[in-house]
Amino acid sequence: MEPTHDAIPDIPAGQASKVGNTNPAESGSKEKMQRLLDRGLKWLGVGILFMAVSFGINFFMFQADKSFISAMYILTSLGAVCIMKGLVDILG
């Protein structure tokens, strides 16, 4: 037996109209949340990169006689700020 013209084959005829309907406000909200998630992940990536560079400077130049403290603190601070910005974007 073939399904009727308004029913989807695996869904009963009474529920077929509910499947395709999406609220424009919900789809806009989902798009906004997806954009915020993408932007937050990018900020997290940049923050992690800054932290990794700071760790690398600290690790490789620990025995050096030159001062690297300002570069280390600047990179660590930038990394922490970027990570916080990413978390704010993701968590809201």
PDB file of N, CA and C in Angstrom:
ATOM      1  N   MET A   1       0.832  -1.166   0.000  1.00  0.00           N
ATOM      2  CA  MET A   1       0.000   0.000   0.000  1.00  0.00           C
ATOM      3  C   MET A   1       0.882   1.237   0.000  1.00  0.00           C
ATOM      4  N   GLU A   2       0.611   2.176  -0.879  1.00  0.00           N
ATOM      5  CA  GLU A   2       1.418   3.381  -1.003  1.00  0.00           C
ATOM      6  C   GLU A   2       0.921   4.464  -0.056  1.00  0.00           C
ATOM      7  N   PRO A   3       1.824   5.288   0.460  1.00  0.00           N
ATOM      8  CA  PRO A   3       1.397   6.357   1.364  1.00  0.00           C
ATOM      9  C   PRO A   3       0.618   7.432   0.614  1.00  0.00           C
ATOM     10  N   THR A   4      -0.172   8.171   1.365  1.00  0.00           N
ATOM     11  CA  THR A   4      -0.936   9.258   0.761  1.00  0.00           C
ATOM     12  C   THR A   4      -0.012  10.390   0.366  1.00  0.00           C
ATOM     13  N   HIS A   5      -0.519  11.349  -0.389  1.00  0.00           N
ATOM     14  CA  HIS A   5       0.320  12.416  -0.934  1.00  0.00           C
ATOM     15  C   HIS A   5       0.853  13.380   0.128  1.00  0.00           C
ATOM     16  N   ASP A   6       0.222  13.467   1.297  1.00  0.00           N
ATOM     17  CA  ASP A   6       0.679  14.419   2.306  1.00  0.00           C
ATOM     18  C   ASP A   6       1.433  13.753   3.452  1.00  0.00           C
ATOM     19  N   ALA A   7       1.642  12.454   3.397  1.00  0.00           N
ATOM     20  CA  ALA A   7       2.299  11.752   4.492  1.00  0.00           C
ATOM     21  C   ALA A   7       3.701  11.322   4.073  1.00  0.00           C
ATOM     22  N   ILE A   8       4.616  11.353   5.011  1.00  0.00           N
ATOM     23  CA  ILE A   8       5.954  10.823   4.801  1.00  0.00           C
ATOM     24  C   ILE A   8       5.870   9.336   5.110  1.00  0.00           C
ATOM     25  N   PRO A   9       6.527   8.457   4.335  1.00  0.00           N
ATOM     26  CA  PRO A   9       6.326   7.012   4.466  1.00  0.00           C
ATOM     27  C   PRO A   9       6.458   6.445   5.874  1.00  0.00           C
ATOM     28  N   ASP A  10       7.419   6.866   6.683  1.00  0.00           N
ATOM     29  CA  ASP A  10       7.628   6.262   7.991  1.00  0.00           C
ATOM     30  C   ASP A  10       6.926   7.011   9.123  1.00  0.00           C
ATOM     31  N   ILE A  11       6.228   8.091   8.813  1.00  0.00           N
ATOM     32  CA  ILE A  11       5.579   8.904   9.834  1.00  0.00           C
ATOM     33  C   ILE A  11       4.070   8.840   9.615  1.00  0.00           C
ATOM     34  N   PRO A  12       3.293   8.629  10.668  1.00  0.00           N
ATOM     35  CA  PRO A  12       1.837   8.592  10.504  1.00  0.00           C
ATOM     36  C   PRO A  12       1.313   9.901   9.903  1.00  0.00           C
ATOM     37  N   ALA A  13       0.180   9.812   9.238  1.00  0.00           N
ATOM     38  CA  ALA A  13      -0.372  10.955   8.501  1.00  0.00           C
ATOM     39  C   ALA A  13      -0.661  12.152   9.406  1.00  0.00           C
ATOM     40  N   GLY A  14      -1.038  11.938  10.651  1.00  0.00           N
ATOM     41  CA  GLY A  14      -1.347  13.041  11.557  1.00  0.00           C
ATOM     42  C   GLY A  14      -0.125  13.831  11.982  1.00  0.00           C
ATOM     43  N   GLN A  15       1.053  13.224  11.945  1.00  0.00           N
ATOM     44  CA  GLN A  15       2.271  13.888  12.387  1.00  0.00           C
ATOM     45  C   GLN A  15       3.100  14.410  11.224  1.00  0.00           C
ATOM     46  N   ALA A  16       2.682  14.172  10.002  1.00  0.00           N
ATOM     47  CA  ALA A  16       3.474  14.565   8.841  1.00  0.00           C
ATOM     48  C   ALA A  16       3.593  16.077   8.727  1.00  0.00           C
ATOM     49  N   SER A  17       2.568  16.814   9.104  1.00  0.00           N
ATOM     50  CA  SER A  17       2.627  18.264   8.976  1.00  0.00           C
ATOM     51  C   SER A  17       3.549  18.891  10.012  1.00  0.00           C
ATOM     52  N   LYS A  18       3.819  18.198  11.125  1.00  0.00           N
ATOM     53  CA  LYS A  18       4.674  18.738  12.176  1.00  0.00           C
ATOM     54  C   LYS A  18       6.156  18.630  11.834  1.00  0.00           C
ATOM     55  N   VAL A  19       6.523  17.738  10.925  1.00  0.00           N
ATOM     56  CA  VAL A  19       7.928  17.474  10.643  1.00  0.00           C
ATOM     57  C   VAL A  19       8.580  18.633   9.901  1.00  0.00           C
ATOM     58  N   GLY A  20       7.948  19.167   8.892  1.00  0.00           N
ATOM     59  CA  GLY A  20       8.557  20.184   8.050  1.00  0.00           C
ATOM     60  C   GLY A  20       8.467  21.591   8.591  1.00  0.00           C
ATOM     61  N   ASN A  21       7.633  21.829   9.570  1.00  0.00           N
ATOM     62  CA  ASN A  21       7.457  23.189  10.071  1.00  0.00           C
ATOM     63  C   ASN A  21       8.577  23.563  11.028  1.00  0.00           C
ATOM     64  N   THR A  22       9.236  24.687  10.729  1.00  0.00           N
ATOM     65  CA  THR A  22      10.230  25.226  11.640  1.00  0.00           C
ATOM     66  C   THR A  22       9.893  26.676  11.896  1.00  0.00           C
ATOM     67  N   ASN A  23      10.044  27.064  13.119  1.00  0.00           N
ATOM     68  CA  ASN A  23       9.776  28.427  13.509  1.00  0.00           C
ATOM     69  C   ASN A  23      10.942  29.308  13.066  1.00  0.00           C
ATOM     70  N   PRO A  24      10.685  30.414  12.363  1.00  0.00           N
ATOM     71  CA  PRO A  24      11.796  31.262  11.921  1.00  0.00           C
ATOM     72  C   PRO A  24      12.633  31.806  13.079  1.00  0.00           C
ATOM     73  N   ALA A  25      12.015  32.061  14.205  1.00  0.00           N
ATOM     74  CA  ALA A  25      12.765  32.551  15.360  1.00  0.00           C
ATOM     75  C   ALA A  25      13.714  31.483  15.882  1.00  0.00           C
ATOM     76  N   GLU A  26      13.278  30.219  15.864  1.00  0.00           N
ATOM     77  CA  GLU A  26      14.135  29.138  16.324  1.00  0.00           C
ATOM     78  C   GLU A  26      15.317  28.931  15.382  1.00  0.00           C
ATOM     79  N   SER A  27      15.073  28.995  14.078  1.00  0.00           N
ATOM     80  CA  SER A  27      16.170  28.798  13.140  1.00  0.00           C
ATOM     81  C   SER A  27      17.154  29.953  13.211  1.00  0.00           C
ATOM     82  N   GLY A  28      16.672  31.179  13.429  1.00  0.00           N
ATOM     83  CA  GLY A  28      17.574  32.315  13.600  1.00  0.00           C
ATOM     84  C   GLY A  28      18.403  32.192  14.858  1.00  0.00           C
ATOM     85  N   SER A  29      17.778  31.697  15.915  1.00  0.00           N
ATOM     86  CA  SER A  29      18.487  31.506  17.174  1.00  0.00           C
ATOM     87  C   SER A  29      19.549  30.413  17.030  1.00  0.00           C
ATOM     88  N   LYS A  30      19.220  29.345  16.326  1.00  0.00           N
ATOM     89  CA  LYS A  30      20.188  28.271  16.108  1.00  0.00           C
ATOM     90  C   LYS A  30      21.362  28.758  15.286  1.00  0.00           C
ATOM     91  N   GLU A  31      21.094  29.593  14.274  1.00  0.00           N
ATOM     92  CA  GLU A  31      22.182  30.138  13.461  1.00  0.00           C
ATOM     93  C   GLU A  31      23.073  31.048  14.297  1.00  0.00           C
ATOM     94  N   LYS A  32      22.464  31.848  15.159  1.00  0.00           N
ATOM     95  CA  LYS A  32      23.236  32.738  16.025  1.00  0.00           C
ATOM     96  C   LYS A  32      24.095  31.940  16.986  1.00  0.00           C
ATOM     97  N   MET A  33      23.531  30.894  17.573  1.00  0.00           N
ATOM     98  CA  MET A  33      24.293  30.060  18.500  1.00  0.00           C
ATOM     99  C   MET A  33      25.444  29.348  17.785  1.00  0.00           C
ATOM    100  N   GLN A  34      25.211  28.924  16.532  1.00  0.00           N
ATOM    101  CA  GLN A  34      26.273  28.271  15.764  1.00  0.00           C
ATOM    102  C   GLN A  34      27.394  29.259  15.454  1.00  0.00           C
ATOM    103  N   ARG A  35      27.035  30.501  15.109  1.00  0.00           N
ATOM    104  CA  ARG A  35      28.058  31.527  14.863  1.00  0.00           C
ATOM    105  C   ARG A  35      28.860  31.808  16.123  1.00  0.00           C
ATOM    106  N   LEU A  36      28.174  31.909  17.264  1.00  0.00           N
ATOM    107  CA  LEU A  36      28.871  32.152  18.525  1.00  0.00           C
ATOM    108  C   LEU A  36      29.787  30.981  18.886  1.00  0.00           C
ATOM    109  N   LEU A  37      29.341  29.768  18.632  1.00  0.00           N
ATOM    110  CA  LEU A  37      30.170  28.597  18.905  1.00  0.00           C
ATOM    111  C   LEU A  37      31.414  28.606  18.029  1.00  0.00           C
ATOM    112  N   ASP A  38      31.247  28.900  16.747  1.00  0.00           N
ATOM    113  CA  ASP A  38      32.392  28.947  15.842  1.00  0.00           C
ATOM    114  C   ASP A  38      33.377  30.035  16.255  1.00  0.00           C
ATOM    115  N   ARG A  39      32.854  31.217  16.577  1.00  0.00           N
ATOM    116  CA  ARG A  39      33.715  32.317  16.990  1.00  0.00           C
ATOM    117  C   ARG A  39      34.404  31.983  18.313  1.00  0.00           C
ATOM    118  N   GLY A  40      33.678  31.368  19.239  1.00  0.00           N
ATOM    119  CA  GLY A  40      34.266  30.985  20.514  1.00  0.00           C
ATOM    120  C   GLY A  40      35.377  29.963  20.358  1.00  0.00           C
ATOM    121  N   LEU A  41      35.189  28.994  19.463  1.00  0.00           N
ATOM    122  CA  LEU A  41      36.228  27.998  19.233  1.00  0.00           C
ATOM    123  C   LEU A  41      37.471  28.627  18.616  1.00  0.00           C
ATOM    124  N   LYS A  42      37.288  29.619  17.752  1.00  0.00           N
ATOM    125  CA  LYS A  42      38.443  30.319  17.177  1.00  0.00           C
ATOM    126  C   LYS A  42      39.204  31.082  18.254  1.00  0.00           C
ATOM    127  N   TRP A  43      38.485  31.768  19.144  1.00  0.00           N
ATOM    128  CA  TRP A  43      39.136  32.489  20.235  1.00  0.00           C
ATOM    129  C   TRP A  43      39.864  31.522  21.163  1.00  0.00           C
ATOM    130  N   LEU A  44      39.250  30.378  21.438  1.00  0.00           N
ATOM    131  CA  LEU A  44      39.917  29.380  22.272  1.00  0.00           C
ATOM    132  C   LEU A  44      41.203  28.886  21.619  1.00  0.00           C
ATOM    133  N   GLY A  45      41.151  28.661  20.321  1.00  0.00           N
ATOM    134  CA  GLY A  45      42.341  28.217  19.597  1.00  0.00           C
ATOM    135  C   GLY A  45      43.463  29.239  19.650  1.00  0.00           C
ATOM    136  N   VAL A  46      43.120  30.510  19.475  1.00  0.00           N
ATOM    137  CA  VAL A  46      44.129  31.568  19.541  1.00  0.00           C
ATOM    138  C   VAL A  46      44.706  31.659  20.955  1.00  0.00           C
ATOM    139  N   GLY A  47      43.844  31.556  21.962  1.00  0.00           N
ATOM    140  CA  GLY A  47      44.316  31.604  23.343  1.00  0.00           C
ATOM    141  C   GLY A  47      45.235  30.442  23.676  1.00  0.00           C
ATOM    142  N   ILE A  48      44.881  29.265  23.213  1.00  0.00           N
ATOM    143  CA  ILE A  48      45.729  28.093  23.449  1.00  0.00           C
ATOM    144  C   ILE A  48      47.062  28.244  22.726  1.00  0.00           C
ATOM    145  N   LEU A  49      47.033  28.834  21.538  1.00  0.00           N
ATOM    146  CA  LEU A  49      48.273  29.073  20.803  1.00  0.00           C
ATOM    147  C   LEU A  49      49.179  30.037  21.573  1.00  0.00           C
ATOM    148  N   PHE A  50      48.622  31.137  22.089  1.00  0.00           N
ATOM    149  CA  PHE A  50      49.408  32.071  22.889  1.00  0.00           C
ATOM    150  C   PHE A  50      49.995  31.385  24.120  1.00  0.00           C
ATOM    151  N   MET A  51      49.191  30.569  24.787  1.00  0.00           N
ATOM    152  CA  MET A  51      49.678  29.868  25.967  1.00  0.00           C
ATOM    153  C   MET A  51      50.800  28.889  25.603  1.00  0.00           C
ATOM    154  N   ALA A  52      50.662  28.209  24.479  1.00  0.00           N
ATOM    155  CA  ALA A  52      51.688  27.259  24.054  1.00  0.00           C
ATOM    156  C   ALA A  52      52.991  27.977  23.717  1.00  0.00           C
ATOM    157  N   VAL A  53      52.898  29.125  23.042  1.00  0.00           N
ATOM    158  CA  VAL A  53      54.102  29.899  22.726  1.00  0.00           C
ATOM    159  C   VAL A  53      54.752  30.395  24.013  1.00  0.00           C
ATOM    160  N   SER A  54      53.953  30.847  24.955  1.00  0.00           N
ATOM    161  CA  SER A  54      54.488  31.294  26.237  1.00  0.00           C
ATOM    162  C   SER A  54      55.192  30.149  26.968  1.00  0.00           C
ATOM    163  N   PHE A  55      54.572  28.983  26.954  1.00  0.00           N
ATOM    164  CA  PHE A  55      55.200  27.814  27.569  1.00  0.00           C
ATOM    165  C   PHE A  55      56.493  27.454  26.853  1.00  0.00           C
ATOM    166  N   GLY A  56      56.492  27.523  25.518  1.00  0.00           N
ATOM    167  CA  GLY A  56      57.700  27.219  24.750  1.00  0.00           C
ATOM    168  C   GLY A  56      58.837  28.168  25.073  1.00  0.00           C
ATOM    169  N   ILE A  57      58.516  29.456  25.172  1.00  0.00           N
ATOM    170  CA  ILE A  57      59.549  30.432  25.539  1.00  0.00           C
ATOM    171  C   ILE A  57      60.085  30.133  26.928  1.00  0.00           C
ATOM    172  N   ASN A  58      59.201  29.861  27.841  1.00  0.00           N
ATOM    173  CA  ASN A  58      59.620  29.552  29.212  1.00  0.00           C
ATOM    174  C   ASN A  58      60.457  28.276  29.257  1.00  0.00           C
ATOM    175  N   PHE A  59      60.061  27.261  28.516  1.00  0.00           N
ATOM    176  CA  PHE A  59      60.740  25.972  28.538  1.00  0.00           C
ATOM    177  C   PHE A  59      62.128  26.048  27.902  1.00  0.00           C
ATOM    178  N   PHE A  60      62.210  26.686  26.728  1.00  0.00           N
ATOM    179  CA  PHE A  60      63.474  26.699  25.999  1.00  0.00           C
ATOM    180  C   PHE A  60      64.454  27.776  26.478  1.00  0.00           C
ATOM    181  N   MET A  61      63.965  28.838  27.081  1.00  0.00           N
ATOM    182  CA  MET A  61      64.861  29.915  27.485  1.00  0.00           C
ATOM    183  C   MET A  61      65.071  29.965  29.001  1.00  0.00           C
ATOM    184  N   PHE A  62      64.705  28.911  29.690  1.00  0.00           N
ATOM    185  CA  PHE A  62      64.838  28.921  31.144  1.00  0.00           C
ATOM    186  C   PHE A  62      66.290  29.064  31.580  1.00  0.00           C
ATOM    187  N   GLN A  63      67.193  28.424  30.899  1.00  0.00           N
ATOM    188  CA  GLN A  63      68.605  28.464  31.260  1.00  0.00           C
ATOM    189  C   GLN A  63      69.362  29.630  30.621  1.00  0.00           C
ATOM    190  N   ALA A  64      68.694  30.439  29.818  1.00  0.00           N
ATOM    191  CA  ALA A  64      69.358  31.564  29.152  1.00  0.00           C
ATOM    192  C   ALA A  64      69.626  32.690  30.146  1.00  0.00           C
ATOM    193  N   ASP A  65      70.615  33.485  29.831  1.00  0.00           N
ATOM    194  CA  ASP A  65      70.958  34.613  30.697  1.00  0.00           C
ATOM    195  C   ASP A  65      70.140  35.855  30.371  1.00  0.00           C
ATOM    196  N   LYS A  66      69.323  35.801  29.347  1.00  0.00           N
ATOM    197  CA  LYS A  66      68.530  36.958  28.941  1.00  0.00           C
ATOM    198  C   LYS A  66      67.169  36.938  29.629  1.00  0.00           C
ATOM    199  N   SER A  67      66.623  38.130  29.796  1.00  0.00           N
ATOM    200  CA  SER A  67      65.311  38.238  30.440  1.00  0.00           C
ATOM    201  C   SER A  67      64.195  38.041  29.411  1.00  0.00           C
ATOM    202  N   PHE A  68      63.316  37.126  29.692  1.00  0.00           N
ATOM    203  CA  PHE A  68      62.176  36.863  28.830  1.00  0.00           C
ATOM    204  C   PHE A  68      60.873  36.995  29.602  1.00  0.00           C
ATOM    205  N   ILE A  69      60.955  37.578  30.770  1.00  0.00           N
ATOM    206  CA  ILE A  69      59.800  37.650  31.661  1.00  0.00           C
ATOM    207  C   ILE A  69      58.669  38.470  31.056  1.00  0.00           C
ATOM    208  N   SER A  70      58.988  39.629  30.467  1.00  0.00           N
ATOM    209  CA  SER A  70      57.913  40.472  29.921  1.00  0.00           C
ATOM    210  C   SER A  70      57.199  39.774  28.771  1.00  0.00           C
ATOM    211  N   ALA A  71      57.959  39.145  27.872  1.00  0.00           N
ATOM    212  CA  ALA A  71      57.323  38.433  26.756  1.00  0.00           C
ATOM    213  C   ALA A  71      56.458  37.285  27.271  1.00  0.00           C
ATOM    214  N   MET A  72      56.937  36.591  28.283  1.00  0.00           N
ATOM    215  CA  MET A  72      56.189  35.469  28.835  1.00  0.00           C
ATOM    216  C   MET A  72      54.890  35.939  29.475  1.00  0.00           C
ATOM    217  N   TYR A  73      54.955  37.006  30.252  1.00  0.00           N
ATOM    218  CA  TYR A  73      53.743  37.494  30.905  1.00  0.00           C
ATOM    219  C   TYR A  73      52.761  38.102  29.901  1.00  0.00           C
ATOM    220  N   ILE A  74      53.263  38.778  28.881  1.00  0.00           N
ATOM    221  CA  ILE A  74      52.375  39.352  27.861  1.00  0.00           C
ATOM    222  C   ILE A  74      51.656  38.243  27.109  1.00  0.00           C
ATOM    223  N   LEU A  75      52.396  37.217  26.689  1.00  0.00           N
ATOM    224  CA  LEU A  75      51.764  36.115  25.949  1.00  0.00           C
ATOM    225  C   LEU A  75      50.792  35.336  26.826  1.00  0.00           C
ATOM    226  N   THR A  76      51.146  35.132  28.077  1.00  0.00           N
ATOM    227  CA  THR A  76      50.243  34.427  28.986  1.00  0.00           C
ATOM    228  C   THR A  76      48.973  35.232  29.231  1.00  0.00           C
ATOM    229  N   SER A  77      49.119  36.546  29.404  1.00  0.00           N
ATOM    230  CA  SER A  77      47.942  37.397  29.610  1.00  0.00           C
ATOM    231  C   SER A  77      47.049  37.420  28.379  1.00  0.00           C
ATOM    232  N   LEU A  78      47.656  37.547  27.198  1.00  0.00           N
ATOM    233  CA  LEU A  78      46.865  37.512  25.958  1.00  0.00           C
ATOM    234  C   LEU A  78      46.154  36.168  25.809  1.00  0.00           C
ATOM    235  N   GLY A  79      46.845  35.083  26.126  1.00  0.00           N
ATOM    236  CA  GLY A  79      46.238  33.763  26.051  1.00  0.00           C
ATOM    237  C   GLY A  79      45.065  33.612  26.998  1.00  0.00           C
ATOM    238  N   ALA A  80      45.226  34.102  28.220  1.00  0.00           N
ATOM    239  CA  ALA A  80      44.143  34.005  29.201  1.00  0.00           C
ATOM    240  C   ALA A  80      42.942  34.843  28.770  1.00  0.00           C
ATOM    241  N   VAL A  81      43.194  36.035  28.239  1.00  0.00           N
ATOM    242  CA  VAL A  81      42.090  36.896  27.781  1.00  0.00           C
ATOM    243  C   VAL A  81      41.369  36.253  26.599  1.00  0.00           C
ATOM    244  N   CYS A  82      42.113  35.696  25.659  1.00  0.00           N
ATOM    245  CA  CYS A  82      41.484  35.044  24.504  1.00  0.00           C
ATOM    246  C   CYS A  82      40.672  33.824  24.919  1.00  0.00           C
ATOM    247  N   ILE A  83      41.187  33.058  25.851  1.00  0.00           N
ATOM    248  CA  ILE A  83      40.452  31.887  26.334  1.00  0.00           C
ATOM    249  C   ILE A  83      39.168  32.314  27.035  1.00  0.00           C
ATOM    250  N   MET A  84      39.243  33.355  27.846  1.00  0.00           N
ATOM    251  CA  MET A  84      38.035  33.843  28.525  1.00  0.00           C
ATOM    252  C   MET A  84      37.012  34.355  27.520  1.00  0.00           C
ATOM    253  N   LYS A  85      37.473  35.071  26.488  1.00  0.00           N
ATOM    254  CA  LYS A  85      36.568  35.567  25.448  1.00  0.00           C
ATOM    255  C   LYS A  85      35.897  34.388  24.733  1.00  0.00           C
ATOM    256  N   GLY A  86      36.656  33.357  24.427  1.00  0.00           N
ATOM    257  CA  GLY A  86      36.096  32.168  23.781  1.00  0.00           C
ATOM    258  C   GLY A  86      35.062  31.476  24.655  1.00  0.00           C
ATOM    259  N   LEU A  87      35.348  31.371  25.952  1.00  0.00           N
ATOM    260  CA  LEU A  87      34.385  30.740  26.861  1.00  0.00           C
ATOM    261  C   LEU A  87      33.115  31.575  27.002  1.00  0.00           C
ATOM    262  N   VAL A  88      33.258  32.893  27.010  1.00  0.00           N
ATOM    263  CA  VAL A  88      32.078  33.751  27.081  1.00  0.00           C
ATOM    264  C   VAL A  88      31.220  33.578  25.840  1.00  0.00           C
ATOM    265  N   ASP A  89      31.850  33.499  24.666  1.00  0.00           N
ATOM    266  CA  ASP A  89      31.085  33.304  23.435  1.00  0.00           C
ATOM    267  C   ASP A  89      30.378  31.943  23.425  1.00  0.00           C
ATOM    268  N   ILE A  90      31.067  30.912  23.889  1.00  0.00           N
ATOM    269  CA  ILE A  90      30.476  29.573  23.851  1.00  0.00           C
ATOM    270  C   ILE A  90      29.391  29.396  24.908  1.00  0.00           C
ATOM    271  N   LEU A  91      29.686  29.809  26.123  1.00  0.00           N
ATOM    272  CA  LEU A  91      28.754  29.572  27.224  1.00  0.00           C
ATOM    273  C   LEU A  91      27.668  30.638  27.337  1.00  0.00           C
ATOM    274  N   GLY A  92      27.912  31.777  26.748  1.00  0.00           N
ATOM    275  CA  GLY A  92      26.898  32.826  26.745  1.00  0.00           C
ATOM    276  C   GLY A  92      27.063  33.720  27.901  1.00  0.00           C
TER     277      GLY A  92
END
